[in-house]
N, C-alpha and C. Protein backbone atom coordinates (compact mmCIF):
# COMPACT_ATOMS: atom_id res chain seq x y z
N UNK A 1 8.98 34.38 -89.17
CA UNK A 1 7.69 35.02 -89.00
C UNK A 1 7.82 36.05 -87.89
N UNK A 2 7.22 37.23 -88.06
CA UNK A 2 7.24 38.23 -87.01
C UNK A 2 5.81 38.64 -86.68
N UNK A 3 5.66 39.58 -85.74
CA UNK A 3 4.32 39.94 -85.27
C UNK A 3 3.51 40.64 -86.36
N UNK A 4 4.12 41.05 -87.46
CA UNK A 4 3.36 41.66 -88.54
C UNK A 4 2.86 40.61 -89.54
N UNK A 5 3.23 39.36 -89.34
CA UNK A 5 2.79 38.27 -90.21
C UNK A 5 1.26 38.23 -90.21
N UNK A 6 0.63 38.04 -91.37
CA UNK A 6 -0.83 38.09 -91.44
C UNK A 6 -1.53 37.12 -90.49
N UNK A 7 -0.98 35.93 -90.29
CA UNK A 7 -1.66 34.96 -89.44
C UNK A 7 -1.59 35.35 -87.96
N UNK A 8 -0.71 36.28 -87.61
CA UNK A 8 -0.60 36.73 -86.22
C UNK A 8 -1.33 38.05 -86.00
N UNK A 9 -1.81 38.69 -87.06
CA UNK A 9 -2.37 40.03 -86.96
C UNK A 9 -3.57 40.09 -86.01
N UNK A 10 -4.38 39.04 -85.95
CA UNK A 10 -5.56 39.07 -85.12
C UNK A 10 -5.35 38.56 -83.70
N UNK A 11 -4.13 38.29 -83.30
CA UNK A 11 -3.86 37.72 -82.00
C UNK A 11 -3.55 38.85 -81.01
N UNK A 12 -4.56 39.70 -80.83
CA UNK A 12 -4.41 40.90 -80.00
C UNK A 12 -5.71 41.10 -79.25
N UNK A 13 -5.61 41.51 -77.99
CA UNK A 13 -6.79 41.89 -77.23
C UNK A 13 -6.49 43.20 -76.52
N UNK A 14 -7.29 44.19 -76.82
CA UNK A 14 -7.12 45.49 -76.19
C UNK A 14 -8.09 45.62 -75.04
N UNK A 15 -7.58 46.13 -73.93
CA UNK A 15 -8.38 46.42 -72.75
C UNK A 15 -7.96 47.79 -72.27
N UNK A 16 -8.77 48.43 -71.45
CA UNK A 16 -8.39 49.76 -70.96
C UNK A 16 -6.99 49.74 -70.33
N UNK A 17 -6.10 50.56 -70.86
CA UNK A 17 -4.76 50.69 -70.29
C UNK A 17 -3.70 49.78 -70.85
N UNK A 18 -4.10 48.69 -71.55
CA UNK A 18 -3.07 47.80 -72.08
C UNK A 18 -3.62 46.95 -73.21
N UNK A 19 -2.71 46.49 -74.04
CA UNK A 19 -3.01 45.57 -75.13
C UNK A 19 -2.19 44.31 -74.91
N UNK A 20 -2.84 43.16 -74.96
CA UNK A 20 -2.13 41.88 -74.89
C UNK A 20 -2.00 41.37 -76.31
N UNK A 21 -0.78 41.02 -76.68
CA UNK A 21 -0.49 40.53 -78.02
C UNK A 21 0.29 39.22 -77.90
N UNK A 22 -0.03 38.27 -78.76
CA UNK A 22 0.76 37.06 -78.89
C UNK A 22 1.59 37.21 -80.15
N UNK A 23 2.85 36.83 -80.06
CA UNK A 23 3.72 36.94 -81.22
C UNK A 23 4.73 35.81 -81.18
N UNK A 24 5.34 35.50 -82.34
CA UNK A 24 6.37 34.47 -82.36
C UNK A 24 7.56 34.85 -81.48
N UNK A 25 8.28 33.84 -81.03
CA UNK A 25 9.50 34.03 -80.25
C UNK A 25 10.55 34.70 -81.13
N UNK A 26 11.23 35.70 -80.57
CA UNK A 26 12.35 36.36 -81.25
C UNK A 26 13.63 36.03 -80.48
N UNK A 27 14.75 36.25 -81.12
CA UNK A 27 16.03 35.93 -80.48
C UNK A 27 16.19 36.66 -79.14
N UNK A 28 15.71 37.89 -79.04
CA UNK A 28 15.81 38.64 -77.78
C UNK A 28 15.03 37.99 -76.64
N UNK A 29 14.05 37.14 -76.95
CA UNK A 29 13.24 36.48 -75.93
C UNK A 29 13.93 35.29 -75.29
N UNK A 30 15.02 34.83 -75.89
CA UNK A 30 15.68 33.63 -75.39
C UNK A 30 16.20 33.81 -73.97
N UNK A 31 16.59 35.02 -73.59
CA UNK A 31 17.05 35.26 -72.21
C UNK A 31 15.93 34.97 -71.22
N UNK A 32 14.70 35.39 -71.50
CA UNK A 32 13.57 35.12 -70.62
C UNK A 32 13.31 33.61 -70.56
N UNK A 33 13.35 32.93 -71.70
CA UNK A 33 13.09 31.50 -71.72
C UNK A 33 14.17 30.73 -70.96
N UNK A 34 15.42 31.19 -71.03
CA UNK A 34 16.50 30.57 -70.24
C UNK A 34 16.22 30.76 -68.75
N UNK A 35 15.75 31.94 -68.37
CA UNK A 35 15.42 32.19 -66.95
C UNK A 35 14.38 31.18 -66.45
N UNK A 36 13.36 30.92 -67.27
CA UNK A 36 12.34 29.95 -66.86
C UNK A 36 12.94 28.58 -66.61
N UNK A 37 14.02 28.25 -67.30
CA UNK A 37 14.65 26.93 -67.18
C UNK A 37 15.57 26.82 -65.97
N UNK A 38 16.10 27.93 -65.48
CA UNK A 38 17.15 27.81 -64.46
C UNK A 38 16.91 28.58 -63.16
N UNK A 39 15.85 29.36 -63.06
CA UNK A 39 15.60 30.11 -61.83
C UNK A 39 14.50 29.45 -61.00
N UNK A 40 14.89 28.81 -59.89
CA UNK A 40 13.89 28.16 -59.04
C UNK A 40 12.80 29.14 -58.63
N UNK A 41 11.57 28.69 -58.71
CA UNK A 41 10.45 29.50 -58.27
C UNK A 41 9.94 30.51 -59.27
N UNK A 42 10.67 30.79 -60.33
CA UNK A 42 10.23 31.81 -61.29
C UNK A 42 8.93 31.42 -61.97
N UNK A 43 8.74 30.14 -62.21
CA UNK A 43 7.50 29.71 -62.87
C UNK A 43 6.46 29.19 -61.87
N UNK A 44 6.67 29.43 -60.61
CA UNK A 44 5.67 29.06 -59.62
C UNK A 44 5.64 27.58 -59.33
N UNK A 45 4.43 27.05 -59.21
CA UNK A 45 4.24 25.65 -58.81
C UNK A 45 4.77 24.65 -59.84
N UNK A 46 4.98 25.06 -61.06
CA UNK A 46 5.42 24.14 -62.10
C UNK A 46 6.92 23.89 -62.12
N UNK A 47 7.66 24.45 -61.17
CA UNK A 47 9.10 24.23 -61.12
C UNK A 47 9.37 22.73 -60.96
N UNK A 48 10.11 22.16 -61.92
CA UNK A 48 10.40 20.72 -61.90
C UNK A 48 11.90 20.48 -61.81
N UNK A 49 12.63 21.45 -61.29
CA UNK A 49 14.07 21.32 -61.20
C UNK A 49 14.75 22.04 -62.36
N UNK A 50 16.05 22.11 -62.29
CA UNK A 50 16.82 22.80 -63.32
C UNK A 50 16.69 22.09 -64.66
N UNK A 51 16.54 22.88 -65.70
CA UNK A 51 16.42 22.37 -67.06
C UNK A 51 17.63 22.86 -67.88
N UNK A 52 17.80 22.34 -69.04
CA UNK A 52 18.89 22.70 -69.93
C UNK A 52 18.74 24.14 -70.40
N UNK A 53 19.64 25.02 -69.97
CA UNK A 53 19.57 26.44 -70.32
C UNK A 53 19.84 26.70 -71.79
N UNK A 54 20.46 25.76 -72.48
CA UNK A 54 20.72 25.93 -73.91
C UNK A 54 19.56 25.44 -74.78
N UNK A 55 18.59 24.76 -74.18
CA UNK A 55 17.47 24.21 -74.96
C UNK A 55 16.68 25.30 -75.69
N UNK A 56 16.39 26.46 -75.08
CA UNK A 56 15.65 27.48 -75.82
C UNK A 56 16.34 27.91 -77.12
N UNK A 57 17.65 28.09 -77.08
CA UNK A 57 18.37 28.49 -78.30
C UNK A 57 18.32 27.40 -79.36
N UNK A 58 18.44 26.13 -78.94
CA UNK A 58 18.37 25.03 -79.90
C UNK A 58 16.99 24.97 -80.55
N UNK A 59 15.95 25.10 -79.73
CA UNK A 59 14.59 25.05 -80.28
C UNK A 59 14.35 26.23 -81.22
N UNK A 60 14.84 27.41 -80.85
CA UNK A 60 14.68 28.58 -81.70
C UNK A 60 15.37 28.36 -83.05
N UNK A 61 16.56 27.79 -83.03
CA UNK A 61 17.30 27.53 -84.26
C UNK A 61 16.59 26.47 -85.11
N UNK A 62 15.93 25.52 -84.45
CA UNK A 62 15.26 24.43 -85.16
C UNK A 62 14.05 24.92 -85.95
N UNK A 63 13.14 25.64 -85.28
CA UNK A 63 11.90 26.03 -85.96
C UNK A 63 11.29 27.33 -85.44
N UNK A 64 12.06 28.08 -84.66
CA UNK A 64 11.53 29.34 -84.14
C UNK A 64 10.35 29.16 -83.20
N UNK A 65 10.23 27.97 -82.61
CA UNK A 65 9.12 27.62 -81.72
C UNK A 65 7.78 27.56 -82.46
N UNK A 66 7.80 27.36 -83.76
CA UNK A 66 6.58 27.30 -84.55
C UNK A 66 6.44 25.97 -85.28
N UNK A 67 6.60 24.88 -84.53
CA UNK A 67 6.47 23.55 -85.12
C UNK A 67 5.02 23.19 -85.40
N UNK A 68 4.83 22.18 -86.23
CA UNK A 68 3.48 21.74 -86.57
C UNK A 68 2.77 21.07 -85.40
N UNK A 69 3.52 20.38 -84.54
CA UNK A 69 2.91 19.63 -83.44
C UNK A 69 3.19 20.23 -82.06
N UNK A 70 4.09 21.18 -81.98
CA UNK A 70 4.35 21.85 -80.72
C UNK A 70 4.98 23.20 -81.00
N UNK A 71 4.80 24.10 -80.09
CA UNK A 71 5.39 25.42 -80.26
C UNK A 71 5.07 26.32 -79.11
N UNK A 72 5.35 27.58 -79.32
CA UNK A 72 5.10 28.56 -78.29
C UNK A 72 5.09 29.96 -78.85
N UNK A 73 4.43 30.83 -78.13
CA UNK A 73 4.32 32.23 -78.49
C UNK A 73 4.64 33.08 -77.28
N UNK A 74 5.13 34.27 -77.53
CA UNK A 74 5.43 35.22 -76.47
C UNK A 74 4.18 36.03 -76.15
N UNK A 75 3.93 36.25 -74.87
CA UNK A 75 2.88 37.15 -74.42
C UNK A 75 3.54 38.51 -74.26
N UNK A 76 3.03 39.48 -74.99
CA UNK A 76 3.59 40.83 -74.93
C UNK A 76 2.51 41.81 -74.51
N UNK A 77 2.89 42.78 -73.70
CA UNK A 77 1.95 43.81 -73.24
C UNK A 77 2.41 45.15 -73.78
N UNK A 78 1.44 45.92 -74.27
CA UNK A 78 1.72 47.26 -74.79
C UNK A 78 0.76 48.23 -74.12
N UNK A 79 1.15 49.34 -73.51
CA UNK A 79 2.53 49.59 -73.09
C UNK A 79 2.89 48.66 -71.94
N UNK A 80 4.13 48.41 -71.71
CA UNK A 80 5.35 49.08 -72.17
C UNK A 80 6.01 48.42 -73.36
N UNK A 81 5.28 47.65 -74.17
CA UNK A 81 5.87 46.96 -75.33
C UNK A 81 6.94 45.97 -74.87
N UNK A 82 6.57 45.15 -73.89
CA UNK A 82 7.54 44.23 -73.29
C UNK A 82 7.00 42.81 -73.27
N UNK A 83 7.89 41.82 -73.47
CA UNK A 83 7.48 40.43 -73.29
C UNK A 83 7.30 40.15 -71.81
N UNK A 84 6.18 39.52 -71.46
CA UNK A 84 5.87 39.27 -70.06
C UNK A 84 5.66 37.80 -69.74
N UNK A 85 5.69 36.95 -70.77
CA UNK A 85 5.49 35.53 -70.53
C UNK A 85 5.54 34.72 -71.80
N UNK A 86 5.16 33.46 -71.65
CA UNK A 86 5.28 32.49 -72.73
C UNK A 86 4.11 31.53 -72.67
N UNK A 87 3.51 31.23 -73.83
CA UNK A 87 2.45 30.25 -73.97
C UNK A 87 2.97 29.09 -74.81
N UNK A 88 2.70 27.88 -74.37
CA UNK A 88 3.10 26.71 -75.15
C UNK A 88 1.86 25.98 -75.64
N UNK A 89 2.02 25.27 -76.74
CA UNK A 89 0.96 24.42 -77.26
C UNK A 89 1.59 23.13 -77.76
N UNK A 90 0.92 22.03 -77.49
CA UNK A 90 1.41 20.70 -77.83
C UNK A 90 0.25 19.89 -78.37
N UNK A 91 0.43 19.31 -79.55
CA UNK A 91 -0.62 18.49 -80.13
C UNK A 91 -0.61 17.11 -79.48
N UNK A 92 -1.76 16.70 -79.05
CA UNK A 92 -1.97 15.36 -78.50
C UNK A 92 -2.98 14.66 -79.40
N UNK A 93 -3.23 13.40 -79.10
CA UNK A 93 -4.16 12.66 -79.93
C UNK A 93 -4.94 11.67 -79.07
N UNK A 94 -6.24 11.61 -79.32
CA UNK A 94 -7.11 10.64 -78.68
C UNK A 94 -7.78 9.87 -79.81
N UNK A 95 -7.41 8.61 -79.95
CA UNK A 95 -7.87 7.88 -81.13
C UNK A 95 -7.21 8.52 -82.34
N UNK A 96 -8.01 9.01 -83.27
CA UNK A 96 -7.46 9.72 -84.42
C UNK A 96 -7.77 11.21 -84.37
N UNK A 97 -8.29 11.67 -83.26
CA UNK A 97 -8.69 13.07 -83.15
C UNK A 97 -7.61 13.88 -82.44
N UNK A 98 -6.89 14.73 -83.18
CA UNK A 98 -5.88 15.56 -82.52
C UNK A 98 -6.52 16.70 -81.73
N UNK A 99 -5.88 17.07 -80.66
CA UNK A 99 -6.30 18.22 -79.85
C UNK A 99 -5.05 18.89 -79.32
N UNK A 100 -5.21 20.06 -78.75
CA UNK A 100 -4.08 20.84 -78.23
C UNK A 100 -4.10 20.86 -76.71
N UNK A 101 -2.91 20.82 -76.14
CA UNK A 101 -2.75 21.08 -74.71
C UNK A 101 -1.90 22.34 -74.60
N UNK A 102 -2.37 23.30 -73.81
CA UNK A 102 -1.66 24.56 -73.70
C UNK A 102 -1.18 24.79 -72.28
N UNK A 103 -0.20 25.66 -72.15
CA UNK A 103 0.32 26.06 -70.85
C UNK A 103 0.82 27.49 -70.93
N UNK A 104 0.88 28.14 -69.79
CA UNK A 104 1.31 29.54 -69.74
C UNK A 104 2.22 29.75 -68.54
N UNK A 105 3.16 30.65 -68.72
CA UNK A 105 3.96 31.14 -67.60
C UNK A 105 4.14 32.65 -67.81
N UNK A 106 3.85 33.40 -66.78
CA UNK A 106 4.07 34.85 -66.79
C UNK A 106 5.15 35.18 -65.78
N UNK A 107 5.94 36.19 -66.09
CA UNK A 107 6.91 36.66 -65.10
C UNK A 107 6.14 37.12 -63.86
N UNK A 108 6.68 36.88 -62.66
CA UNK A 108 5.93 37.17 -61.43
C UNK A 108 5.38 38.58 -61.34
N UNK A 109 6.11 39.57 -61.80
CA UNK A 109 5.66 40.95 -61.68
C UNK A 109 4.46 41.28 -62.58
N UNK A 110 4.11 40.37 -63.49
CA UNK A 110 2.97 40.60 -64.39
C UNK A 110 1.76 39.75 -64.05
N UNK A 111 1.86 38.94 -63.01
CA UNK A 111 0.73 38.10 -62.61
C UNK A 111 -0.32 38.94 -61.86
N UNK A 112 -1.56 38.46 -61.90
CA UNK A 112 -2.63 39.12 -61.16
C UNK A 112 -3.15 40.39 -61.82
N UNK A 113 -2.87 40.59 -63.11
CA UNK A 113 -3.31 41.79 -63.84
C UNK A 113 -4.32 41.48 -64.93
N UNK A 114 -4.79 40.25 -65.00
CA UNK A 114 -5.75 39.88 -66.03
C UNK A 114 -5.14 39.60 -67.38
N UNK A 115 -3.82 39.42 -67.43
CA UNK A 115 -3.15 39.16 -68.70
C UNK A 115 -3.23 37.69 -69.10
N UNK A 116 -3.12 36.81 -68.10
CA UNK A 116 -3.07 35.37 -68.37
C UNK A 116 -4.33 34.85 -69.04
N UNK A 117 -5.49 35.22 -68.53
CA UNK A 117 -6.72 34.70 -69.13
C UNK A 117 -6.88 35.24 -70.54
N UNK A 118 -6.51 36.50 -70.76
CA UNK A 118 -6.64 37.07 -72.11
C UNK A 118 -5.68 36.38 -73.08
N UNK A 119 -4.45 36.12 -72.63
CA UNK A 119 -3.48 35.44 -73.49
C UNK A 119 -3.94 34.02 -73.82
N UNK A 120 -4.47 33.30 -72.85
CA UNK A 120 -4.93 31.94 -73.09
C UNK A 120 -6.15 31.93 -74.02
N UNK A 121 -7.05 32.89 -73.86
CA UNK A 121 -8.21 32.98 -74.75
C UNK A 121 -7.75 33.32 -76.17
N UNK A 122 -6.77 34.21 -76.31
CA UNK A 122 -6.23 34.54 -77.64
C UNK A 122 -5.61 33.32 -78.30
N UNK A 123 -4.86 32.54 -77.53
CA UNK A 123 -4.24 31.34 -78.09
C UNK A 123 -5.30 30.35 -78.55
N UNK A 124 -6.34 30.16 -77.76
CA UNK A 124 -7.42 29.25 -78.17
C UNK A 124 -8.06 29.73 -79.47
N UNK A 125 -8.39 31.01 -79.54
CA UNK A 125 -8.99 31.54 -80.76
C UNK A 125 -8.06 31.33 -81.95
N UNK A 126 -6.77 31.57 -81.75
CA UNK A 126 -5.78 31.39 -82.81
C UNK A 126 -5.75 29.93 -83.27
N UNK A 127 -5.67 28.99 -82.32
CA UNK A 127 -5.60 27.57 -82.68
C UNK A 127 -6.90 27.09 -83.34
N UNK A 128 -8.05 27.56 -82.87
CA UNK A 128 -9.30 27.17 -83.51
C UNK A 128 -9.43 27.76 -84.92
N UNK A 129 -8.85 28.93 -85.15
CA UNK A 129 -8.91 29.55 -86.47
C UNK A 129 -7.93 28.96 -87.47
N UNK A 130 -6.85 28.36 -87.00
CA UNK A 130 -5.80 27.91 -87.91
C UNK A 130 -5.55 26.41 -87.91
N UNK A 131 -6.29 25.67 -87.09
CA UNK A 131 -6.18 24.21 -87.09
C UNK A 131 -7.58 23.61 -86.96
N UNK A 132 -7.77 22.36 -87.37
CA UNK A 132 -9.10 21.76 -87.29
C UNK A 132 -9.44 21.16 -85.92
N UNK A 133 -8.62 21.38 -84.92
CA UNK A 133 -8.85 20.76 -83.61
C UNK A 133 -10.22 21.15 -83.04
N UNK A 134 -10.86 20.18 -82.41
CA UNK A 134 -12.14 20.39 -81.75
C UNK A 134 -11.97 20.76 -80.27
N UNK A 135 -10.80 20.41 -79.72
CA UNK A 135 -10.61 20.51 -78.27
C UNK A 135 -9.26 21.13 -77.94
N UNK A 136 -9.25 21.97 -76.89
CA UNK A 136 -8.01 22.48 -76.30
C UNK A 136 -8.13 22.22 -74.81
N UNK A 137 -7.06 21.68 -74.24
CA UNK A 137 -7.11 21.41 -72.80
C UNK A 137 -5.93 22.05 -72.10
N UNK A 138 -6.10 22.25 -70.81
CA UNK A 138 -5.05 22.81 -69.96
C UNK A 138 -5.21 22.21 -68.57
N UNK A 139 -4.09 21.97 -67.93
CA UNK A 139 -4.11 21.45 -66.57
C UNK A 139 -3.57 22.48 -65.60
N UNK A 140 -3.96 22.31 -64.36
CA UNK A 140 -3.42 23.16 -63.31
C UNK A 140 -3.43 22.38 -62.00
N UNK A 141 -2.93 23.01 -60.98
CA UNK A 141 -2.82 22.39 -59.66
C UNK A 141 -4.05 22.75 -58.83
N UNK A 142 -4.50 21.83 -57.97
CA UNK A 142 -5.66 22.13 -57.13
C UNK A 142 -5.45 23.37 -56.26
N UNK A 143 -4.21 23.66 -55.90
CA UNK A 143 -3.94 24.82 -55.03
C UNK A 143 -3.72 26.12 -55.81
N UNK A 144 -3.78 26.07 -57.14
CA UNK A 144 -3.54 27.27 -57.95
C UNK A 144 -4.87 27.93 -58.32
N UNK A 145 -5.48 28.58 -57.35
CA UNK A 145 -6.78 29.21 -57.55
C UNK A 145 -6.72 30.31 -58.62
N UNK A 146 -5.61 31.02 -58.71
CA UNK A 146 -5.49 32.09 -59.71
C UNK A 146 -5.58 31.53 -61.12
N UNK A 147 -4.88 30.43 -61.39
CA UNK A 147 -4.93 29.83 -62.73
C UNK A 147 -6.30 29.21 -63.00
N UNK A 148 -6.95 28.67 -62.00
CA UNK A 148 -8.30 28.14 -62.19
C UNK A 148 -9.24 29.25 -62.64
N UNK A 149 -9.17 30.41 -61.98
CA UNK A 149 -10.00 31.56 -62.38
C UNK A 149 -9.63 32.02 -63.79
N UNK A 150 -8.34 32.03 -64.08
CA UNK A 150 -7.88 32.45 -65.40
C UNK A 150 -8.42 31.54 -66.50
N UNK A 151 -8.34 30.25 -66.30
CA UNK A 151 -8.86 29.31 -67.30
C UNK A 151 -10.37 29.47 -67.48
N UNK A 152 -11.09 29.65 -66.39
CA UNK A 152 -12.54 29.82 -66.49
C UNK A 152 -12.88 31.11 -67.24
N UNK A 153 -12.15 32.20 -66.97
CA UNK A 153 -12.38 33.45 -67.70
C UNK A 153 -12.03 33.31 -69.17
N UNK A 154 -11.08 32.43 -69.49
CA UNK A 154 -10.67 32.19 -70.88
C UNK A 154 -11.62 31.24 -71.60
N UNK A 155 -12.70 30.83 -70.94
CA UNK A 155 -13.71 29.99 -71.58
C UNK A 155 -13.57 28.50 -71.34
N UNK A 156 -12.67 28.10 -70.46
CA UNK A 156 -12.48 26.68 -70.16
C UNK A 156 -13.47 26.21 -69.10
N UNK A 157 -13.75 24.91 -69.13
CA UNK A 157 -14.59 24.28 -68.12
C UNK A 157 -13.80 23.18 -67.43
N UNK A 158 -14.00 23.07 -66.12
CA UNK A 158 -13.35 22.01 -65.35
C UNK A 158 -13.96 20.68 -65.75
N UNK A 159 -13.09 19.72 -66.09
CA UNK A 159 -13.55 18.38 -66.44
C UNK A 159 -13.39 17.41 -65.29
N UNK A 160 -12.33 17.58 -64.51
CA UNK A 160 -12.16 16.64 -63.41
C UNK A 160 -10.75 16.65 -62.85
N UNK A 161 -10.54 15.69 -61.95
CA UNK A 161 -9.27 15.54 -61.26
C UNK A 161 -8.48 14.40 -61.90
N UNK A 162 -7.21 14.65 -62.14
CA UNK A 162 -6.29 13.61 -62.59
C UNK A 162 -5.48 13.21 -61.36
N UNK A 163 -5.73 12.03 -60.86
CA UNK A 163 -5.10 11.61 -59.61
C UNK A 163 -3.64 11.25 -59.83
N UNK A 164 -2.78 11.74 -58.92
CA UNK A 164 -1.35 11.43 -58.92
C UNK A 164 -0.73 11.51 -60.32
N UNK A 165 -0.99 12.58 -61.03
CA UNK A 165 -0.51 12.70 -62.42
C UNK A 165 0.83 13.40 -62.54
N UNK A 166 1.33 13.98 -61.45
CA UNK A 166 2.55 14.77 -61.54
C UNK A 166 3.43 14.55 -60.32
N UNK A 167 4.72 14.35 -60.57
CA UNK A 167 5.67 14.28 -59.47
C UNK A 167 6.29 15.65 -59.32
N UNK A 168 6.03 16.30 -58.18
CA UNK A 168 6.50 17.66 -57.94
C UNK A 168 6.81 17.83 -56.46
N UNK A 169 7.93 18.49 -56.18
CA UNK A 169 8.32 18.80 -54.81
C UNK A 169 8.36 17.54 -53.94
N UNK A 170 8.87 16.45 -54.50
CA UNK A 170 9.08 15.23 -53.73
C UNK A 170 7.88 14.34 -53.52
N UNK A 171 6.76 14.63 -54.19
CA UNK A 171 5.56 13.80 -53.99
C UNK A 171 4.72 13.76 -55.26
N UNK A 172 3.92 12.68 -55.38
CA UNK A 172 2.96 12.60 -56.46
C UNK A 172 1.76 13.46 -56.10
N UNK A 173 1.31 14.25 -57.07
CA UNK A 173 0.24 15.22 -56.80
C UNK A 173 -0.85 15.12 -57.87
N UNK A 174 -2.05 15.50 -57.45
CA UNK A 174 -3.19 15.53 -58.36
C UNK A 174 -3.12 16.77 -59.25
N UNK A 175 -3.85 16.71 -60.34
CA UNK A 175 -4.01 17.86 -61.22
C UNK A 175 -5.46 18.04 -61.58
N UNK A 176 -5.80 19.23 -62.00
CA UNK A 176 -7.16 19.51 -62.46
C UNK A 176 -7.11 19.74 -63.96
N UNK A 177 -8.03 19.12 -64.69
CA UNK A 177 -8.07 19.20 -66.13
C UNK A 177 -9.23 20.08 -66.58
N UNK A 178 -8.91 21.05 -67.43
CA UNK A 178 -9.89 21.97 -68.01
C UNK A 178 -9.88 21.80 -69.52
N UNK A 179 -11.01 22.13 -70.17
CA UNK A 179 -11.05 22.10 -71.62
C UNK A 179 -11.93 23.21 -72.15
N UNK A 180 -11.64 23.55 -73.39
CA UNK A 180 -12.48 24.47 -74.16
C UNK A 180 -12.68 23.81 -75.52
N UNK A 181 -13.93 23.74 -75.96
CA UNK A 181 -14.25 23.13 -77.24
C UNK A 181 -14.48 24.21 -78.30
N UNK A 182 -14.32 23.82 -79.53
CA UNK A 182 -14.48 24.75 -80.65
C UNK A 182 -15.82 25.50 -80.58
N UNK A 183 -16.88 24.82 -80.19
CA UNK A 183 -18.21 25.44 -80.16
C UNK A 183 -18.46 26.27 -78.91
N UNK A 184 -17.58 26.21 -77.92
CA UNK A 184 -17.74 27.05 -76.73
C UNK A 184 -17.50 28.50 -77.14
N UNK A 185 -18.25 29.41 -76.58
CA UNK A 185 -18.06 30.82 -76.97
C UNK A 185 -16.73 31.37 -76.48
N UNK A 186 -16.13 32.21 -77.32
CA UNK A 186 -14.90 32.91 -76.93
C UNK A 186 -15.27 34.05 -75.99
N UNK A 187 -14.50 34.25 -74.93
CA UNK A 187 -14.81 35.37 -74.02
C UNK A 187 -14.31 36.71 -74.55
N UNK A 188 -13.63 36.71 -75.67
CA UNK A 188 -13.07 37.97 -76.20
C UNK A 188 -14.00 38.63 -77.20
């Protein structure tokens, strides 16, 4: 599947000066995904230590990052027609009701430009249009004010604190849980 695939055609948001597009992972994107796995600090607070640098290529060979229960899309900005980050989605289940959990990472030089909230809102719209899920959730760190603002601009609402839910930087840390429901209005 490529960015001209009909199901990806509407995953675009144009704003003055730039267009944010979500598209499937291409082989050329694997270098960026390897960087996220092996460069300390590149993904910010979510750094959990070195990861398998060959895992992106294996996942790409398996399903092109377009699995039924998990996957990911590239965040691309035009101009300059460049990949600037990666969005992941993972199907979870509560009782018998499936929902999605999403995450985003942007290259540091592209943060703070309003791209993250637009990409996350596009992914939510895409998942609500192509799956029956009622709920999409995302977590962040209490100290990540930029991501909190991004999630709120993308239509998410803060649900609460998850106490000691993550082991990071040598300690157990709290997380903040946000959600967007199918009936919540899209900000796009």
